[in-house]
C-alpha atoms as a PDB file:
ATOM      1  CA  GLU A   1       2.800   9.201   4.735  1.00  0.00           C
ATOM      2  CA  MET A   2       2.807  11.229   1.535  1.00  0.00           C
ATOM      3  CA  SER A   3       0.624  14.341   1.344  1.00  0.00           C
ATOM      4  CA  TYR A   4      -1.530  12.787  -1.402  1.00  0.00           C
ATOM      5  CA  GLU A   5      -2.337   9.942   1.031  1.00  0.00           C
ATOM      6  CA  ARG A   6      -3.007  12.168   4.016  1.00  0.00           C
ATOM      7  CA  TYR A   7      -5.262  14.954   2.766  1.00  0.00           C
ATOM      8  CA  GLY A   8      -8.557  14.346   0.998  1.00  0.00           C
ATOM      9  CA  ASP A   9     -12.133  13.251   1.562  1.00  0.00           C
ATOM     10  CA  VAL A  10     -10.989  10.669   4.132  1.00  0.00           C
ATOM     11  CA  PRO A  11      -7.660  11.965   5.482  1.00  0.00           C
ATOM     12  CA  ASN A  12      -4.940   9.730   6.940  1.00  0.00           C
ATOM     13  CA  VAL A  13      -6.558   6.542   5.586  1.00  0.00           C
ATOM     14  CA  VAL A  14      -5.482   4.178   2.824  1.00  0.00           C
ATOM     15  CA  PHE A  15      -7.720   1.475   1.402  1.00  0.00           C
ATOM     16  CA  PRO A  16      -5.959  -1.670   0.124  1.00  0.00           C
ATOM     17  CA  THR A  17      -7.814  -2.938  -2.932  1.00  0.00           C
ATOM     18  CA  GLY A  18      -5.650  -5.733  -4.298  1.00  0.00           C
ATOM     19  CA  ALA A  19      -2.316  -7.496  -4.169  1.00  0.00           C
ATOM     20  CA  ILE A  20      -0.223  -9.659  -6.476  1.00  0.00           C
ATOM     21  CA  THR A  21       3.149 -11.341  -6.288  1.00  0.00           C
ATOM     22  CA  ILE A  22       5.815 -10.967  -8.926  1.00  0.00           C
ATOM     23  CA  GLY A  23       8.845 -13.072  -8.181  1.00  0.00           C
ATOM     24  CA  GLU A  24       9.937 -12.299  -4.630  1.00  0.00           C
ATOM     25  CA  LYS A  25       7.897  -9.078  -4.341  1.00  0.00           C
ATOM     26  CA  LEU A  26       4.391  -8.425  -3.039  1.00  0.00           C
ATOM     27  CA  LEU A  27       2.711  -5.484  -4.773  1.00  0.00           C
ATOM     28  CA  VAL A  28      -0.243  -3.893  -2.954  1.00  0.00           C
ATOM     29  CA  PHE A  29      -2.583  -1.512  -4.741  1.00  0.00           C
ATOM     30  CA  TYR A  30      -4.466   1.001  -2.608  1.00  0.00           C
ATOM     31  CA  GLY A  31      -6.460   4.205  -2.637  1.00  0.00           C
ATOM     32  CA  GLY A  32      -5.060   7.143  -0.695  1.00  0.00           C
ATOM     33  CA  ALA A  33      -7.329   9.699   1.012  1.00  0.00           C
ATOM     34  CA  ASP A  34     -10.145   8.880  -1.454  1.00  0.00           C
ATOM     35  CA  LYS A  35      -8.293  10.800  -4.170  1.00  0.00           C
ATOM     36  CA  VAL A  36      -5.534   8.714  -5.747  1.00  0.00           C
ATOM     37  CA  CYS A  37      -4.646   5.123  -6.673  1.00  0.00           C
ATOM     38  CA  CYS A  38      -1.233   3.975  -5.469  1.00  0.00           C
ATOM     39  CA  MET A  39       1.016   0.928  -5.409  1.00  0.00           C
ATOM     40  CA  ALA A  40       3.456  -0.135  -2.722  1.00  0.00           C
ATOM     41  CA  TYR A  41       5.778  -3.124  -2.739  1.00  0.00           C
ATOM     42  CA  ALA A  42       7.885  -5.154  -0.354  1.00  0.00           C
ATOM     43  CA  ARG A  43      10.064  -8.225  -0.596  1.00  0.00           C
ATOM     44  CA  ILE A  44       8.039 -11.152   0.710  1.00  0.00           C
ATOM     45  CA  ASP A  45      10.868 -12.524   2.885  1.00  0.00           C
ATOM     46  CA  GLU A  46      11.418  -9.123   4.532  1.00  0.00           C
ATOM     47  CA  LEU A  47       7.691  -8.657   5.102  1.00  0.00           C
ATOM     48  CA  LEU A  48       7.394 -12.090   6.723  1.00  0.00           C
ATOM     49  CA  SER A  49      10.412 -11.465   8.961  1.00  0.00           C
ATOM     50  CA  HIS A  50       8.657  -8.362  10.343  1.00  0.00           C
ATOM     51  CA  LEU A  51       5.463 -10.317  10.985  1.00  0.00           C
ATOM     52  CA  LEU A  52       7.011 -13.351  12.691  1.00  0.00           C
END
């Protein structure tokens, strides 16, 4: 939802490219709007509670 994710060659699209876990966190690496590389993270237990 950041401007650098929304405006670019492919607007309003992010492309997940990899993920790793560190302790209780899931880190997801992604490209935003074909212009930048980004990283987002979430606690695994919170992520699973939203999915189940």
